[in-house]
Amino acid sequence: MDEFFVEKSANADGAHVVHRDGCSSLPAKDQVHLIGVRSNTAAPLKEAANWFSSSVPCPECIPAK
């Protein structure tokens, strides 16, 4: 199980990036919302929609399938 965060600021494409804890691109804790501890990557991506209309997985810590 991993802890997940979503960036408060949107990237250049207007999406908010979801990260696993420990990711080398994870911004400072004051720049992210804690999503929580989850057993898979699908749940935090869906939950990020509670804060932001567009979210994407971080390419470094949440690899595409």
PDB file of N, CA and C in Angstrom:
ATOM      1  N   MET A   1       0.857  -1.183   0.000  1.00  0.00           N
ATOM      2  CA  MET A   1       0.000   0.000   0.000  1.00  0.00           C
ATOM      3  C   MET A   1       0.896   1.235   0.000  1.00  0.00           C
ATOM      4  N   ASP A   2       0.466   2.219  -0.742  1.00  0.00           N
ATOM      5  CA  ASP A   2       1.245   3.445  -0.889  1.00  0.00           C
ATOM      6  C   ASP A   2       0.387   4.666  -0.546  1.00  0.00           C
ATOM      7  N   GLU A   3       1.067   5.734  -0.155  1.00  0.00           N
ATOM      8  CA  GLU A   3       0.407   7.009   0.106  1.00  0.00           C
ATOM      9  C   GLU A   3       0.472   7.833  -1.189  1.00  0.00           C
ATOM     10  N   PHE A   4      -0.641   8.486  -1.522  1.00  0.00           N
ATOM     11  CA  PHE A   4      -0.732   9.249  -2.768  1.00  0.00           C
ATOM     12  C   PHE A   4      -1.085  10.708  -2.500  1.00  0.00           C
ATOM     13  N   PHE A   5      -0.610  11.576  -3.388  1.00  0.00           N
ATOM     14  CA  PHE A   5      -0.833  13.017  -3.310  1.00  0.00           C
ATOM     15  C   PHE A   5      -1.213  13.540  -4.683  1.00  0.00           C
ATOM     16  N   VAL A   6      -1.929  14.677  -4.719  1.00  0.00           N
ATOM     17  CA  VAL A   6      -2.220  15.358  -5.978  1.00  0.00           C
ATOM     18  C   VAL A   6      -1.735  16.800  -5.857  1.00  0.00           C
ATOM     19  N   GLU A   7      -1.085  17.278  -6.897  1.00  0.00           N
ATOM     20  CA  GLU A   7      -0.562  18.651  -6.898  1.00  0.00           C
ATOM     21  C   GLU A   7      -1.704  19.658  -6.897  1.00  0.00           C
ATOM     22  N   LYS A   8      -1.560  20.713  -6.106  1.00  0.00           N
ATOM     23  CA  LYS A   8      -2.573  21.773  -6.053  1.00  0.00           C
ATOM     24  C   LYS A   8      -2.543  22.626  -7.321  1.00  0.00           C
ATOM     25  N   SER A   9      -1.375  22.792  -7.914  1.00  0.00           N
ATOM     26  CA  SER A   9      -1.231  23.604  -9.132  1.00  0.00           C
ATOM     27  C   SER A   9      -1.294  22.707 -10.357  1.00  0.00           C
ATOM     28  N   ALA A  10      -1.930  23.221 -11.391  1.00  0.00           N
ATOM     29  CA  ALA A  10      -2.036  22.472 -12.649  1.00  0.00           C
ATOM     30  C   ALA A  10      -0.734  22.571 -13.434  1.00  0.00           C
ATOM     31  N   ASN A  11      -0.484  21.562 -14.255  1.00  0.00           N
ATOM     32  CA  ASN A  11       0.680  21.595 -15.135  1.00  0.00           C
ATOM     33  C   ASN A  11       0.343  22.432 -16.376  1.00  0.00           C
ATOM     34  N   ALA A  12       1.246  22.455 -17.350  1.00  0.00           N
ATOM     35  CA  ALA A  12       1.061  23.270 -18.562  1.00  0.00           C
ATOM     36  C   ALA A  12      -0.180  22.858 -19.361  1.00  0.00           C
ATOM     37  N   ASP A  13      -0.617  21.604 -19.196  1.00  0.00           N
ATOM     38  CA  ASP A  13      -1.804  21.112 -19.909  1.00  0.00           C
ATOM     39  C   ASP A  13      -3.098  21.324 -19.113  1.00  0.00           C
ATOM     40  N   GLY A  14      -2.988  21.923 -17.935  1.00  0.00           N
ATOM     41  CA  GLY A  14      -4.163  22.175 -17.113  1.00  0.00           C
ATOM     42  C   GLY A  14      -4.568  21.019 -16.216  1.00  0.00           C
ATOM     43  N   ALA A  15      -3.725  19.992 -16.121  1.00  0.00           N
ATOM     44  CA  ALA A  15      -4.039  18.824 -15.291  1.00  0.00           C
ATOM     45  C   ALA A  15      -3.226  18.863 -13.997  1.00  0.00           C
ATOM     46  N   HIS A  16      -3.768  18.225 -12.979  1.00  0.00           N
ATOM     47  CA  HIS A  16      -3.104  18.116 -11.684  1.00  0.00           C
ATOM     48  C   HIS A  16      -2.501  16.721 -11.589  1.00  0.00           C
ATOM     49  N   VAL A  17      -1.217  16.659 -11.264  1.00  0.00           N
ATOM     50  CA  VAL A  17      -0.475  15.402 -11.297  1.00  0.00           C
ATOM     51  C   VAL A  17      -0.597  14.655  -9.968  1.00  0.00           C
ATOM     52  N   VAL A  18      -0.877  13.354 -10.073  1.00  0.00           N
ATOM     53  CA  VAL A  18      -0.980  12.474  -8.903  1.00  0.00           C
ATOM     54  C   VAL A  18       0.345  11.735  -8.738  1.00  0.00           C
ATOM     55  N   HIS A  19       0.867  11.718  -7.496  1.00  0.00           N
ATOM     56  CA  HIS A  19       2.150  11.088  -7.183  1.00  0.00           C
ATOM     57  C   HIS A  19       2.021  10.082  -6.044  1.00  0.00           C
ATOM     58  N   ARG A  20       2.949   9.116  -6.038  1.00  0.00           N
ATOM     59  CA  ARG A  20       3.163   8.250  -4.871  1.00  0.00           C
ATOM     60  C   ARG A  20       4.132   8.970  -3.938  1.00  0.00           C
ATOM     61  N   ASP A  21       4.014   8.700  -2.644  1.00  0.00           N
ATOM     62  CA  ASP A  21       4.985   9.224  -1.695  1.00  0.00           C
ATOM     63  C   ASP A  21       6.366   8.695  -2.057  1.00  0.00           C
ATOM     64  N   GLY A  22       7.368   9.539  -1.965  1.00  0.00           N
ATOM     65  CA  GLY A  22       8.729   9.148  -2.301  1.00  0.00           C
ATOM     66  C   GLY A  22       9.123   9.435  -3.734  1.00  0.00           C
ATOM     67  N   CYS A  23       8.194   9.898  -4.551  1.00  0.00           N
ATOM     68  CA  CYS A  23       8.493  10.220  -5.949  1.00  0.00           C
ATOM     69  C   CYS A  23       9.505  11.362  -6.001  1.00  0.00           C
ATOM     70  N   SER A  24      10.460  11.238  -6.912  1.00  0.00           N
ATOM     71  CA  SER A  24      11.476  12.290  -7.041  1.00  0.00           C
ATOM     72  C   SER A  24      10.904  13.602  -7.557  1.00  0.00           C
ATOM     73  N   SER A  25       9.716  13.588  -8.189  1.00  0.00           N
ATOM     74  CA  SER A  25       9.095  14.833  -8.663  1.00  0.00           C
ATOM     75  C   SER A  25       7.978  15.337  -7.765  1.00  0.00           C
ATOM     76  N   LEU A  26       7.793  14.717  -6.614  1.00  0.00           N
ATOM     77  CA  LEU A  26       6.740  15.153  -5.686  1.00  0.00           C
ATOM     78  C   LEU A  26       7.094  16.526  -5.133  1.00  0.00           C
ATOM     79  N   PRO A  27       6.211  17.517  -5.310  1.00  0.00           N
ATOM     80  CA  PRO A  27       6.480  18.849  -4.760  1.00  0.00           C
ATOM     81  C   PRO A  27       6.455  18.832  -3.227  1.00  0.00           C
ATOM     82  N   ALA A  28       6.790  19.951  -2.642  1.00  0.00           N
ATOM     83  CA  ALA A  28       6.745  20.098  -1.183  1.00  0.00           C
ATOM     84  C   ALA A  28       5.328  19.811  -0.683  1.00  0.00           C
ATOM     85  N   LYS A  29       5.231  19.324   0.539  1.00  0.00           N
ATOM     86  CA  LYS A  29       3.939  18.908   1.110  1.00  0.00           C
ATOM     87  C   LYS A  29       2.907  20.031   1.121  1.00  0.00           C
ATOM     88  N   ASP A  30       3.339  21.291   1.185  1.00  0.00           N
ATOM     89  CA  ASP A  30       2.373  22.396   1.186  1.00  0.00           C
ATOM     90  C   ASP A  30       1.819  22.690  -0.212  1.00  0.00           C
ATOM     91  N   GLN A  31       2.346  22.012  -1.229  1.00  0.00           N
ATOM     92  CA  GLN A  31       1.903  22.210  -2.606  1.00  0.00           C
ATOM     93  C   GLN A  31       1.055  21.057  -3.128  1.00  0.00           C
ATOM     94  N   VAL A  32       0.682  20.125  -2.225  1.00  0.00           N
ATOM     95  CA  VAL A  32      -0.098  18.953  -2.624  1.00  0.00           C
ATOM     96  C   VAL A  32      -1.228  18.694  -1.630  1.00  0.00           C
ATOM     97  N   HIS A  33      -2.249  17.999  -2.093  1.00  0.00           N
ATOM     98  CA  HIS A  33      -3.309  17.478  -1.233  1.00  0.00           C
ATOM     99  C   HIS A  33      -3.002  16.003  -0.994  1.00  0.00           C
ATOM    100  N   LEU A  34      -3.132  15.565   0.235  1.00  0.00           N
ATOM    101  CA  LEU A  34      -3.000  14.147   0.546  1.00  0.00           C
ATOM    102  C   LEU A  34      -4.274  13.438   0.098  1.00  0.00           C
ATOM    103  N   ILE A  35      -4.139  12.434  -0.733  1.00  0.00           N
ATOM    104  CA  ILE A  35      -5.282  11.615  -1.125  1.00  0.00           C
ATOM    105  C   ILE A  35      -5.470  10.511  -0.094  1.00  0.00           C
ATOM    106  N   GLY A  36      -4.365   9.877   0.298  1.00  0.00           N
ATOM    107  CA  GLY A  36      -4.418   8.835   1.309  1.00  0.00           C
ATOM    108  C   GLY A  36      -3.647   7.603   0.889  1.00  0.00           C
ATOM    109  N   VAL A  37      -3.737   6.575   1.720  1.00  0.00           N
ATOM    110  CA  VAL A  37      -3.061   5.310   1.460  1.00  0.00           C
ATOM    111  C   VAL A  37      -4.000   4.414   0.661  1.00  0.00           C
ATOM    112  N   ARG A  38      -3.520   3.912  -0.447  1.00  0.00           N
ATOM    113  CA  ARG A  38      -4.345   3.076  -1.327  1.00  0.00           C
ATOM    114  C   ARG A  38      -3.535   1.876  -1.801  1.00  0.00           C
ATOM    115  N   SER A  39      -4.226   0.817  -2.173  1.00  0.00           N
ATOM    116  CA  SER A  39      -3.566  -0.412  -2.596  1.00  0.00           C
ATOM    117  C   SER A  39      -3.349  -0.491  -4.109  1.00  0.00           C
ATOM    118  N   ASN A  40      -3.887   0.484  -4.850  1.00  0.00           N
ATOM    119  CA  ASN A  40      -3.711   0.490  -6.304  1.00  0.00           C
ATOM    120  C   ASN A  40      -3.616   1.923  -6.792  1.00  0.00           C
ATOM    121  N   THR A  41      -3.338   2.111  -8.067  1.00  0.00           N
ATOM    122  CA  THR A  41      -3.188   3.474  -8.599  1.00  0.00           C
ATOM    123  C   THR A  41      -4.489   4.033  -9.165  1.00  0.00           C
ATOM    124  N   ALA A  42      -5.450   3.194  -9.455  1.00  0.00           N
ATOM    125  CA  ALA A  42      -6.707   3.675 -10.034  1.00  0.00           C
ATOM    126  C   ALA A  42      -7.504   4.517  -9.032  1.00  0.00           C
ATOM    127  N   ALA A  43      -7.556   4.090  -7.801  1.00  0.00           N
ATOM    128  CA  ALA A  43      -8.353   4.794  -6.797  1.00  0.00           C
ATOM    129  C   ALA A  43      -7.885   6.236  -6.570  1.00  0.00           C
ATOM    130  N   PRO A  44      -6.591   6.491  -6.363  1.00  0.00           N
ATOM    131  CA  PRO A  44      -6.183   7.886  -6.154  1.00  0.00           C
ATOM    132  C   PRO A  44      -6.405   8.776  -7.369  1.00  0.00           C
ATOM    133  N   LEU A  45      -6.271   8.220  -8.555  1.00  0.00           N
ATOM    134  CA  LEU A  45      -6.532   9.024  -9.752  1.00  0.00           C
ATOM    135  C   LEU A  45      -7.996   9.433  -9.805  1.00  0.00           C
ATOM    136  N   LYS A  46      -8.882   8.527  -9.455  1.00  0.00           N
ATOM    137  CA  LYS A  46     -10.313   8.842  -9.434  1.00  0.00           C
ATOM    138  C   LYS A  46     -10.635   9.830  -8.313  1.00  0.00           C
ATOM    139  N   GLU A  47     -10.022   9.631  -7.164  1.00  0.00           N
ATOM    140  CA  GLU A  47     -10.291  10.507  -6.016  1.00  0.00           C
ATOM    141  C   GLU A  47      -9.768  11.922  -6.210  1.00  0.00           C
ATOM    142  N   ALA A  48      -8.743  12.100  -7.031  1.00  0.00           N
ATOM    143  CA  ALA A  48      -8.221  13.441  -7.298  1.00  0.00           C
ATOM    144  C   ALA A  48      -9.312  14.325  -7.905  1.00  0.00           C
ATOM    145  N   ALA A  49     -10.294  13.708  -8.549  1.00  0.00           N
ATOM    146  CA  ALA A  49     -11.412  14.456  -9.138  1.00  0.00           C
ATOM    147  C   ALA A  49     -12.273  15.135  -8.070  1.00  0.00           C
ATOM    148  N   ASN A  50     -12.119  14.755  -6.804  1.00  0.00           N
ATOM    149  CA  ASN A  50     -12.831  15.449  -5.724  1.00  0.00           C
ATOM    150  C   ASN A  50     -12.355  16.887  -5.581  1.00  0.00           C
ATOM    151  N   TRP A  51     -11.116  17.151  -5.999  1.00  0.00           N
ATOM    152  CA  TRP A  51     -10.553  18.504  -5.904  1.00  0.00           C
ATOM    153  C   TRP A  51     -10.438  19.182  -7.258  1.00  0.00           C
ATOM    154  N   PHE A  52     -10.105  18.406  -8.282  1.00  0.00           N
ATOM    155  CA  PHE A  52      -9.783  18.994  -9.575  1.00  0.00           C
ATOM    156  C   PHE A  52     -10.467  18.238 -10.713  1.00  0.00           C
ATOM    157  N   SER A  53     -10.878  18.965 -11.746  1.00  0.00           N
ATOM    158  CA  SER A  53     -11.598  18.334 -12.858  1.00  0.00           C
ATOM    159  C   SER A  53     -10.688  17.510 -13.768  1.00  0.00           C
ATOM    160  N   SER A  54      -9.398  17.798 -13.760  1.00  0.00           N
ATOM    161  CA  SER A  54      -8.483  17.062 -14.621  1.00  0.00           C
ATOM    162  C   SER A  54      -7.253  16.637 -13.821  1.00  0.00           C
ATOM    163  N   SER A  55      -6.978  15.337 -13.800  1.00  0.00           N
ATOM    164  CA  SER A  55      -5.780  14.840 -13.126  1.00  0.00           C
ATOM    165  C   SER A  55      -5.138  13.763 -13.986  1.00  0.00           C
ATOM    166  N   VAL A  56      -3.822  13.631 -13.829  1.00  0.00           N
ATOM    167  CA  VAL A  56      -3.053  12.650 -14.596  1.00  0.00           C
ATOM    168  C   VAL A  56      -2.049  11.974 -13.678  1.00  0.00           C
ATOM    169  N   PRO A  57      -1.656  10.743 -14.009  1.00  0.00           N
ATOM    170  CA  PRO A  57      -0.636  10.076 -13.208  1.00  0.00           C
ATOM    171  C   PRO A  57       0.755  10.631 -13.506  1.00  0.00           C
ATOM    172  N   CYS A  58       1.591  10.677 -12.507  1.00  0.00           N
ATOM    173  CA  CYS A  58       2.975  11.078 -12.707  1.00  0.00           C
ATOM    174  C   CYS A  58       3.673   9.989 -13.529  1.00  0.00           C
ATOM    175  N   PRO A  59       4.359  10.347 -14.603  1.00  0.00           N
ATOM    176  CA  PRO A  59       5.025   9.338 -15.432  1.00  0.00           C
ATOM    177  C   PRO A  59       6.205   8.680 -14.730  1.00  0.00           C
ATOM    178  N   GLU A  60       6.718   9.302 -13.675  1.00  0.00           N
ATOM    179  CA  GLU A  60       7.870   8.734 -12.959  1.00  0.00           C
ATOM    180  C   GLU A  60       7.463   7.709 -11.912  1.00  0.00           C
ATOM    181  N   CYS A  61       6.364   7.923 -11.224  1.00  0.00           N
ATOM    182  CA  CYS A  61       6.026   7.028 -10.106  1.00  0.00           C
ATOM    183  C   CYS A  61       4.750   6.212 -10.316  1.00  0.00           C
ATOM    184  N   ILE A  62       3.972   6.544 -11.339  1.00  0.00           N
ATOM    185  CA  ILE A  62       2.773   5.763 -11.661  1.00  0.00           C
ATOM    186  C   ILE A  62       2.854   5.429 -13.149  1.00  0.00           C
ATOM    187  N   PRO A  63       3.566   4.362 -13.467  1.00  0.00           N
ATOM    188  CA  PRO A  63       3.780   4.027 -14.885  1.00  0.00           C
ATOM    189  C   PRO A  63       2.484   3.672 -15.610  1.00  0.00           C
ATOM    190  N   ALA A  64       2.454   3.990 -16.886  1.00  0.00           N
ATOM    191  CA  ALA A  64       1.294   3.639 -17.733  1.00  0.00           C
ATOM    192  C   ALA A  64       1.259   2.129 -17.896  1.00  0.00           C
ATOM    193  N   LYS A  65       0.038   1.610 -18.042  1.00  0.00           N
ATOM    194  CA  LYS A  65      -0.101   0.161 -18.205  1.00  0.00           C
ATOM    195  C   LYS A  65       0.012  -0.223 -19.656  1.00  0.00           C
TER     196      LYS A  65
END
